[in-house]
Amino acid sequence: MPSKVSNYVRLRYYQYEVTFGLYMMTSREKFVLNALVIGVLAALFYGVCFGFSRFVIRSLCRLVWHLFGSYEGVEEICTSNGC
């Protein structure tokens, strides 16, 4: 099983290198680019995990306000999140 996983990871990394042209770069250039890619992915992951739930709740509260003109029935959710 570990050999299958390692072969799969190697294949995906090879495809990543060929797709983005990394195979033509030096090891330092690859390191910098990979660090940037990991940083962007980490920022997206952080934003989705910690910011998306507040965004959804705020959007639903605004939708309730626009549809019904008040927060009746959802006051505790909408007022606690600063809507």
C-alpha atoms as a PDB file:
ATOM      1  CA  MET A   1       0.000   0.000   0.000  1.00  0.00           C
ATOM      2  CA  PRO A   2       2.737   2.582   0.804  1.00  0.00           C
ATOM      3  CA  SER A   3       4.379   2.012  -2.575  1.00  0.00           C
ATOM      4  CA  LYS A   4       1.082   2.702  -4.355  1.00  0.00           C
ATOM      5  CA  VAL A   5       0.648   5.930  -2.408  1.00  0.00           C
ATOM      6  CA  SER A   6       4.208   7.065  -3.053  1.00  0.00           C
ATOM      7  CA  ASN A   7       3.878   6.287  -6.769  1.00  0.00           C
ATOM      8  CA  TYR A   8       0.607   8.222  -6.893  1.00  0.00           C
ATOM      9  CA  VAL A   9       2.197  11.245  -5.178  1.00  0.00           C
ATOM     10  CA  ARG A  10       5.222  11.111  -7.487  1.00  0.00           C
ATOM     11  CA  LEU A  11       2.978  10.945 -10.553  1.00  0.00           C
ATOM     12  CA  ARG A  12       0.892  13.920  -9.388  1.00  0.00           C
ATOM     13  CA  TYR A  13       4.021  15.958  -8.618  1.00  0.00           C
ATOM     14  CA  TYR A  14       5.455  15.102 -12.035  1.00  0.00           C
ATOM     15  CA  GLN A  15       2.213  16.228 -13.683  1.00  0.00           C
ATOM     16  CA  TYR A  16       2.342  19.440 -11.631  1.00  0.00           C
ATOM     17  CA  GLU A  17       5.929  20.104 -12.754  1.00  0.00           C
ATOM     18  CA  VAL A  18       5.171  19.436 -16.411  1.00  0.00           C
ATOM     19  CA  THR A  19       1.931  21.436 -16.425  1.00  0.00           C
ATOM     20  CA  PHE A  20       3.435  24.573 -14.893  1.00  0.00           C
ATOM     21  CA  GLY A  21       6.885  24.273 -16.436  1.00  0.00           C
ATOM     22  CA  LEU A  22       8.700  23.681 -13.166  1.00  0.00           C
ATOM     23  CA  TYR A  23      10.928  21.027 -14.689  1.00  0.00           C
ATOM     24  CA  MET A  24      12.854  23.814 -16.451  1.00  0.00           C
ATOM     25  CA  MET A  25      13.568  25.753 -13.248  1.00  0.00           C
ATOM     26  CA  THR A  26      16.448  25.457 -10.812  1.00  0.00           C
ATOM     27  CA  SER A  27      15.834  23.959  -7.401  1.00  0.00           C
ATOM     28  CA  ARG A  28      15.788  27.423  -5.765  1.00  0.00           C
ATOM     29  CA  GLU A  29      13.221  28.712  -8.239  1.00  0.00           C
ATOM     30  CA  LYS A  30      11.073  25.637  -7.651  1.00  0.00           C
ATOM     31  CA  PHE A  31      11.307  26.185  -3.898  1.00  0.00           C
ATOM     32  CA  VAL A  32      10.194  29.822  -4.168  1.00  0.00           C
ATOM     33  CA  LEU A  33       7.310  29.027  -6.497  1.00  0.00           C
ATOM     34  CA  ASN A  34       6.165  26.071  -4.407  1.00  0.00           C
ATOM     35  CA  ALA A  35       6.328  28.220  -1.267  1.00  0.00           C
ATOM     36  CA  LEU A  36       4.127  30.821  -2.956  1.00  0.00           C
ATOM     37  CA  VAL A  37       1.638  28.178  -4.073  1.00  0.00           C
ATOM     38  CA  ILE A  38       1.486  26.660  -0.588  1.00  0.00           C
ATOM     39  CA  GLY A  39       1.067  30.123   0.946  1.00  0.00           C
ATOM     40  CA  VAL A  40      -1.836  30.984  -1.359  1.00  0.00           C
ATOM     41  CA  LEU A  41      -3.508  27.635  -0.721  1.00  0.00           C
ATOM     42  CA  ALA A  42      -3.061  28.068   3.039  1.00  0.00           C
ATOM     43  CA  ALA A  43      -4.620  31.544   2.871  1.00  0.00           C
ATOM     44  CA  LEU A  44      -7.576  30.199   0.906  1.00  0.00           C
ATOM     45  CA  PHE A  45      -8.002  27.341   3.358  1.00  0.00           C
ATOM     46  CA  TYR A  46      -7.909  29.758   6.299  1.00  0.00           C
ATOM     47  CA  GLY A  47     -10.436  32.051   4.649  1.00  0.00           C
ATOM     48  CA  VAL A  48     -12.824  29.217   3.895  1.00  0.00           C
ATOM     49  CA  CYS A  49     -12.557  27.649   7.344  1.00  0.00           C
ATOM     50  CA  PHE A  50     -12.800  30.780   9.472  1.00  0.00           C
ATOM     51  CA  GLY A  51     -14.475  33.414   7.330  1.00  0.00           C
ATOM     52  CA  PHE A  52     -17.000  31.525   5.267  1.00  0.00           C
ATOM     53  CA  SER A  53     -19.391  30.657   8.101  1.00  0.00           C
ATOM     54  CA  ARG A  54     -19.674  34.313   9.174  1.00  0.00           C
ATOM     55  CA  PHE A  55     -20.240  35.298   5.540  1.00  0.00           C
ATOM     56  CA  VAL A  56     -23.046  32.752   5.124  1.00  0.00           C
ATOM     57  CA  ILE A  57     -24.776  33.760   8.369  1.00  0.00           C
ATOM     58  CA  ARG A  58     -24.493  37.468   7.519  1.00  0.00           C
ATOM     59  CA  SER A  59     -25.845  36.853   4.014  1.00  0.00           C
ATOM     60  CA  LEU A  60     -28.778  34.820   5.311  1.00  0.00           C
ATOM     61  CA  CYS A  61     -29.604  37.536   7.835  1.00  0.00           C
ATOM     62  CA  ARG A  62     -29.604  40.139   5.070  1.00  0.00           C
ATOM     63  CA  LEU A  63     -31.804  37.900   2.936  1.00  0.00           C
ATOM     64  CA  VAL A  64     -34.271  37.538   5.824  1.00  0.00           C
ATOM     65  CA  TRP A  65     -34.243  41.314   6.302  1.00  0.00           C
ATOM     66  CA  HIS A  66     -34.914  41.979   2.603  1.00  0.00           C
ATOM     67  CA  LEU A  67     -37.666  39.373   2.371  1.00  0.00           C
ATOM     68  CA  PHE A  68     -39.521  40.098   5.613  1.00  0.00           C
ATOM     69  CA  GLY A  69     -38.371  43.571   6.704  1.00  0.00           C
ATOM     70  CA  SER A  70     -37.218  42.415  10.139  1.00  0.00           C
ATOM     71  CA  TYR A  71     -35.199  39.773  11.924  1.00  0.00           C
ATOM     72  CA  GLU A  72     -38.287  38.258  13.528  1.00  0.00           C
ATOM     73  CA  GLY A  73     -37.591  34.641  14.441  1.00  0.00           C
ATOM     74  CA  VAL A  74     -33.843  34.895  13.909  1.00  0.00           C
ATOM     75  CA  GLU A  75     -32.955  37.781  16.235  1.00  0.00           C
ATOM     76  CA  GLU A  76     -30.544  35.757  18.365  1.00  0.00           C
ATOM     77  CA  ILE A  77     -28.532  34.619  15.338  1.00  0.00           C
ATOM     78  CA  CYS A  78     -28.455  37.921  13.486  1.00  0.00           C
ATOM     79  CA  THR A  79     -27.822  40.246  16.415  1.00  0.00           C
ATOM     80  CA  SER A  80     -25.038  38.105  17.898  1.00  0.00           C
ATOM     81  CA  ASN A  81     -23.085  38.191  14.632  1.00  0.00           C
ATOM     82  CA  GLY A  82     -23.269  41.941  14.176  1.00  0.00           C
ATOM     83  CA  CYS A  83     -25.585  42.006  11.163  1.00  0.00           C
END
